[in-house]
Amino acid sequence: MKLSQIKSELEKLETIAFQLPNGELVPNHFHVTEVGKVSKHFIDCGGTVRKEEVVNFQLWNANDYDHRLHPEKLLNIIELSEKVLGIEDLEIEVEYQADTIGKFGLDFNGKNFLLTTKKTDCLAKDNCGIPEPKIETPNACAPGSGCC
């Protein structure tokens, strides 16, 4: 989910809820403790230099049961972050504390913001000798093509 998408959804909501991949909801007394831009400049295992940027939200589950984050408050925090930090319309990554800090993607199901799982990957499979998975499509393989 991009920043423009969450802003659009927040404008329509009366309450905010984040749902973990296992279906549990983040306790409703959570706080968004950070909104920022994270830049990653790295070299993959094939020697290619890469850059990635995401908007980062950090959710924190405090023992502050008397305060709830309302959509308009989060929208104000996002807009201030855009202005002060020069954040563009980037993909959102969410950090949430479990046994350790977990990083999640973000989606929306019409009611809750969904924390989606993220996985590591080799970005240079061709340089590392890792074959791309074959996609088998019925009746689409030519004899001897090796795709079936």
C-alpha atoms as a PDB file:
ATOM      1  CA  MET A   1       0.000   0.000   0.000  1.00  0.00           C
ATOM      2  CA  LYS A   2       1.281   3.424  -0.890  1.00  0.00           C
ATOM      3  CA  LEU A   3       1.053   6.500   1.298  1.00  0.00           C
ATOM      4  CA  SER A   4      -1.657   8.079  -0.873  1.00  0.00           C
ATOM      5  CA  GLN A   5      -3.814   4.968  -0.423  1.00  0.00           C
ATOM      6  CA  ILE A   6      -3.691   4.972   3.391  1.00  0.00           C
ATOM      7  CA  LYS A   7      -4.468   8.690   3.430  1.00  0.00           C
ATOM      8  CA  SER A   8      -7.506   8.093   1.243  1.00  0.00           C
ATOM      9  CA  GLU A   9      -8.742   5.263   3.491  1.00  0.00           C
ATOM     10  CA  LEU A  10      -8.126   7.227   6.713  1.00  0.00           C
ATOM     11  CA  GLU A  11     -10.386  10.021   5.431  1.00  0.00           C
ATOM     12  CA  LYS A  12     -13.293   7.539   5.331  1.00  0.00           C
ATOM     13  CA  LEU A  13     -12.756   5.830   8.707  1.00  0.00           C
ATOM     14  CA  GLU A  14     -14.035   6.565  12.210  1.00  0.00           C
ATOM     15  CA  THR A  15     -11.593   4.175  13.926  1.00  0.00           C
ATOM     16  CA  ILE A  16      -8.284   2.549  13.018  1.00  0.00           C
ATOM     17  CA  ALA A  17      -7.500  -1.136  13.399  1.00  0.00           C
ATOM     18  CA  PHE A  18      -4.428  -3.083  12.329  1.00  0.00           C
ATOM     19  CA  GLN A  19      -4.705  -6.837  11.852  1.00  0.00           C
ATOM     20  CA  LEU A  20      -1.729  -9.188  12.119  1.00  0.00           C
ATOM     21  CA  PRO A  21      -1.171 -11.958   9.544  1.00  0.00           C
ATOM     22  CA  ASN A  22      -2.511 -14.544  12.029  1.00  0.00           C
ATOM     23  CA  GLY A  23      -5.848 -12.677  12.184  1.00  0.00           C
ATOM     24  CA  GLU A  24      -5.323 -11.104  15.620  1.00  0.00           C
ATOM     25  CA  LEU A  25      -5.833  -7.377  15.967  1.00  0.00           C
ATOM     26  CA  VAL A  26      -3.145  -5.092  17.299  1.00  0.00           C
ATOM     27  CA  PRO A  27      -4.543  -3.890  20.660  1.00  0.00           C
ATOM     28  CA  ASN A  28      -6.688  -0.802  20.012  1.00  0.00           C
ATOM     29  CA  HIS A  29      -4.636   1.315  22.423  1.00  0.00           C
ATOM     30  CA  PHE A  30      -1.587   1.170  20.105  1.00  0.00           C
ATOM     31  CA  HIS A  31       0.357   4.279  19.165  1.00  0.00           C
ATOM     32  CA  VAL A  32       2.093   5.144  15.899  1.00  0.00           C
ATOM     33  CA  THR A  33       5.379   6.254  17.414  1.00  0.00           C
ATOM     34  CA  GLU A  34       7.193   7.001  14.158  1.00  0.00           C
ATOM     35  CA  VAL A  35       6.417   7.928  10.577  1.00  0.00           C
ATOM     36  CA  GLY A  36       9.525   8.272   8.484  1.00  0.00           C
ATOM     37  CA  LYS A  37      11.349   7.618   5.251  1.00  0.00           C
ATOM     38  CA  VAL A  38      13.807   4.725   5.278  1.00  0.00           C
ATOM     39  CA  SER A  39      16.458   4.585   2.573  1.00  0.00           C
ATOM     40  CA  LYS A  40      18.436   1.434   1.907  1.00  0.00           C
ATOM     41  CA  HIS A  41      21.517   1.579  -0.330  1.00  0.00           C
ATOM     42  CA  PHE A  42      23.074  -1.841  -0.799  1.00  0.00           C
ATOM     43  CA  ILE A  43      24.845  -4.308  -3.058  1.00  0.00           C
ATOM     44  CA  ASP A  44      23.110  -7.603  -3.776  1.00  0.00           C
ATOM     45  CA  CYS A  45      24.970 -10.918  -3.919  1.00  0.00           C
ATOM     46  CA  GLY A  46      25.411 -10.506  -7.680  1.00  0.00           C
ATOM     47  CA  GLY A  47      27.257  -7.196  -7.254  1.00  0.00           C
ATOM     48  CA  THR A  48      24.400  -4.909  -8.377  1.00  0.00           C
ATOM     49  CA  VAL A  49      24.094  -1.659  -6.455  1.00  0.00           C
ATOM     50  CA  ARG A  50      20.498  -1.001  -5.443  1.00  0.00           C
ATOM     51  CA  LYS A  51      18.478   1.658  -3.632  1.00  0.00           C
ATOM     52  CA  GLU A  52      15.109   1.245  -1.962  1.00  0.00           C
ATOM     53  CA  GLU A  53      12.966   3.769  -0.123  1.00  0.00           C
ATOM     54  CA  VAL A  54       9.840   3.116   1.933  1.00  0.00           C
ATOM     55  CA  VAL A  55       7.643   5.034   4.318  1.00  0.00           C
ATOM     56  CA  ASN A  56       7.975   3.452   7.738  1.00  0.00           C
ATOM     57  CA  PHE A  57       5.269   3.357  10.392  1.00  0.00           C
ATOM     58  CA  GLN A  58       6.208   2.044  13.813  1.00  0.00           C
ATOM     59  CA  LEU A  59       3.325   0.687  15.897  1.00  0.00           C
ATOM     60  CA  TRP A  60       3.803   0.480  19.638  1.00  0.00           C
ATOM     61  CA  ASN A  61       1.536  -1.254  22.087  1.00  0.00           C
ATOM     62  CA  ALA A  62       1.649   0.838  25.251  1.00  0.00           C
ATOM     63  CA  ASN A  63      -0.107   0.369  28.559  1.00  0.00           C
ATOM     64  CA  ASP A  64      -1.888   3.643  27.877  1.00  0.00           C
ATOM     65  CA  TYR A  65      -5.464   2.379  27.725  1.00  0.00           C
ATOM     66  CA  ASP A  66      -7.072   5.836  27.903  1.00  0.00           C
ATOM     67  CA  HIS A  67      -5.907   7.143  24.534  1.00  0.00           C
ATOM     68  CA  ARG A  68      -6.813   5.904  21.084  1.00  0.00           C
ATOM     69  CA  LEU A  69      -5.297   7.024  17.817  1.00  0.00           C
ATOM     70  CA  HIS A  70      -8.044   8.433  15.629  1.00  0.00           C
ATOM     71  CA  PRO A  71      -7.839   8.528  11.819  1.00  0.00           C
ATOM     72  CA  GLU A  72      -7.615  12.317  11.638  1.00  0.00           C
ATOM     73  CA  LYS A  73      -4.685  12.335  14.094  1.00  0.00           C
ATOM     74  CA  LEU A  74      -2.744   9.771  12.052  1.00  0.00           C
ATOM     75  CA  LEU A  75      -3.557  11.714   8.892  1.00  0.00           C
ATOM     76  CA  ASN A  76      -2.118  14.868  10.519  1.00  0.00           C
ATOM     77  CA  ILE A  77       1.063  12.977  11.511  1.00  0.00           C
ATOM     78  CA  ILE A  78       1.449  11.654   7.947  1.00  0.00           C
ATOM     79  CA  GLU A  79       0.935  15.089   6.390  1.00  0.00           C
ATOM     80  CA  LEU A  80       3.445  16.689   8.771  1.00  0.00           C
ATOM     81  CA  SER A  81       5.958  13.941   7.939  1.00  0.00           C
ATOM     82  CA  GLU A  82       5.454  14.511   4.214  1.00  0.00           C
ATOM     83  CA  LYS A  83       6.059  18.242   4.637  1.00  0.00           C
ATOM     84  CA  VAL A  84       8.994  18.144   7.051  1.00  0.00           C
ATOM     85  CA  LEU A  85      10.775  15.023   5.744  1.00  0.00           C
ATOM     86  CA  GLY A  86       9.936  15.419   2.059  1.00  0.00           C
ATOM     87  CA  ILE A  87       8.266  12.015   1.900  1.00  0.00           C
ATOM     88  CA  GLU A  88       6.946  11.029  -1.518  1.00  0.00           C
ATOM     89  CA  ASP A  89       4.143   8.586  -2.347  1.00  0.00           C
ATOM     90  CA  LEU A  90       6.123   5.459  -1.413  1.00  0.00           C
ATOM     91  CA  GLU A  91       5.175   1.958  -0.315  1.00  0.00           C
ATOM     92  CA  ILE A  92       4.532   1.612   3.421  1.00  0.00           C
ATOM     93  CA  GLU A  93       6.430  -0.762   5.674  1.00  0.00           C
ATOM     94  CA  VAL A  94       5.145  -1.276   9.209  1.00  0.00           C
ATOM     95  CA  GLU A  95       7.264  -2.219  12.221  1.00  0.00           C
ATOM     96  CA  TYR A  96       5.533  -3.937  15.113  1.00  0.00           C
ATOM     97  CA  GLN A  97       6.979  -5.450  18.285  1.00  0.00           C
ATOM     98  CA  ALA A  98       6.453  -9.167  18.866  1.00  0.00           C
ATOM     99  CA  ASP A  99       9.318 -11.338  20.112  1.00  0.00           C
ATOM    100  CA  THR A 100      11.497  -8.936  18.112  1.00  0.00           C
ATOM    101  CA  ILE A 101      10.685  -6.087  15.755  1.00  0.00           C
ATOM    102  CA  GLY A 102       8.775  -7.471  12.787  1.00  0.00           C
ATOM    103  CA  LYS A 103       8.524  -5.758   9.417  1.00  0.00           C
ATOM    104  CA  PHE A 104       5.287  -6.018   7.499  1.00  0.00           C
ATOM    105  CA  GLY A 105       3.745  -4.783   4.294  1.00  0.00           C
ATOM    106  CA  LEU A 106       0.383  -3.036   4.475  1.00  0.00           C
ATOM    107  CA  ASP A 107      -2.957  -3.681   2.809  1.00  0.00           C
ATOM    108  CA  PHE A 108      -6.593  -2.785   3.544  1.00  0.00           C
ATOM    109  CA  ASN A 109      -9.671  -5.035   3.470  1.00  0.00           C
ATOM    110  CA  GLY A 110     -12.322  -2.306   3.713  1.00  0.00           C
ATOM    111  CA  LYS A 111     -12.386  -2.423   7.519  1.00  0.00           C
ATOM    112  CA  ASN A 112      -8.898  -3.131   8.896  1.00  0.00           C
ATOM    113  CA  PHE A 113      -5.379  -2.318   7.804  1.00  0.00           C
ATOM    114  CA  LEU A 114      -3.703  -5.673   7.234  1.00  0.00           C
ATOM    115  CA  LEU A 115      -0.103  -6.265   8.237  1.00  0.00           C
ATOM    116  CA  THR A 116       1.159  -8.562   5.488  1.00  0.00           C
ATOM    117  CA  THR A 117       4.135 -10.901   5.683  1.00  0.00           C
ATOM    118  CA  LYS A 118       7.397 -10.012   3.995  1.00  0.00           C
ATOM    119  CA  LYS A 119      10.060 -12.479   2.937  1.00  0.00           C
ATOM    120  CA  THR A 120      13.712 -12.290   2.052  1.00  0.00           C
ATOM    121  CA  ASP A 121      14.745 -13.100  -1.504  1.00  0.00           C
ATOM    122  CA  CYS A 122      17.832 -13.404  -3.658  1.00  0.00           C
ATOM    123  CA  LEU A 123      17.781 -10.476  -6.073  1.00  0.00           C
ATOM    124  CA  ALA A 124      20.522 -11.947  -8.288  1.00  0.00           C
ATOM    125  CA  LYS A 125      19.287 -15.471  -8.950  1.00  0.00           C
ATOM    126  CA  ASP A 126      20.799 -15.458 -12.447  1.00  0.00           C
ATOM    127  CA  ASN A 127      24.259 -14.611 -11.012  1.00  0.00           C
ATOM    128  CA  CYS A 128      23.975 -17.158  -8.211  1.00  0.00           C
ATOM    129  CA  GLY A 129      22.905 -20.080 -10.375  1.00  0.00           C
ATOM    130  CA  ILE A 130      19.440 -20.276  -8.812  1.00  0.00           C
ATOM    131  CA  PRO A 131      16.952 -21.301 -11.495  1.00  0.00           C
ATOM    132  CA  GLU A 132      13.754 -19.347 -11.908  1.00  0.00           C
ATOM    133  CA  PRO A 133      10.751 -21.535 -11.082  1.00  0.00           C
ATOM    134  CA  LYS A 134       9.090 -23.048 -14.108  1.00  0.00           C
ATOM    135  CA  ILE A 135       5.487 -22.012 -14.567  1.00  0.00           C
ATOM    136  CA  GLU A 136       3.496 -24.891 -15.933  1.00  0.00           C
ATOM    137  CA  THR A 137       0.524 -23.924 -18.046  1.00  0.00           C
ATOM    138  CA  PRO A 138      -1.610 -26.695 -19.591  1.00  0.00           C
ATOM    139  CA  ASN A 139      -1.338 -26.913 -23.377  1.00  0.00           C
ATOM    140  CA  ALA A 140       1.212 -24.080 -23.488  1.00  0.00           C
ATOM    141  CA  CYS A 141       4.433 -26.107 -23.747  1.00  0.00           C
ATOM    142  CA  ALA A 142       6.083 -26.915 -27.014  1.00  0.00           C
ATOM    143  CA  PRO A 143       7.561 -30.428 -27.241  1.00  0.00           C
ATOM    144  CA  GLY A 144      11.165 -30.404 -26.065  1.00  0.00           C
ATOM    145  CA  SER A 145      10.931 -26.897 -24.554  1.00  0.00           C
ATOM    146  CA  GLY A 146      11.575 -28.163 -21.024  1.00  0.00           C
ATOM    147  CA  CYS A 147       8.702 -26.195 -19.533  1.00  0.00           C
ATOM    148  CA  CYS A 148       6.543 -29.257 -18.802  1.00  0.00           C
END
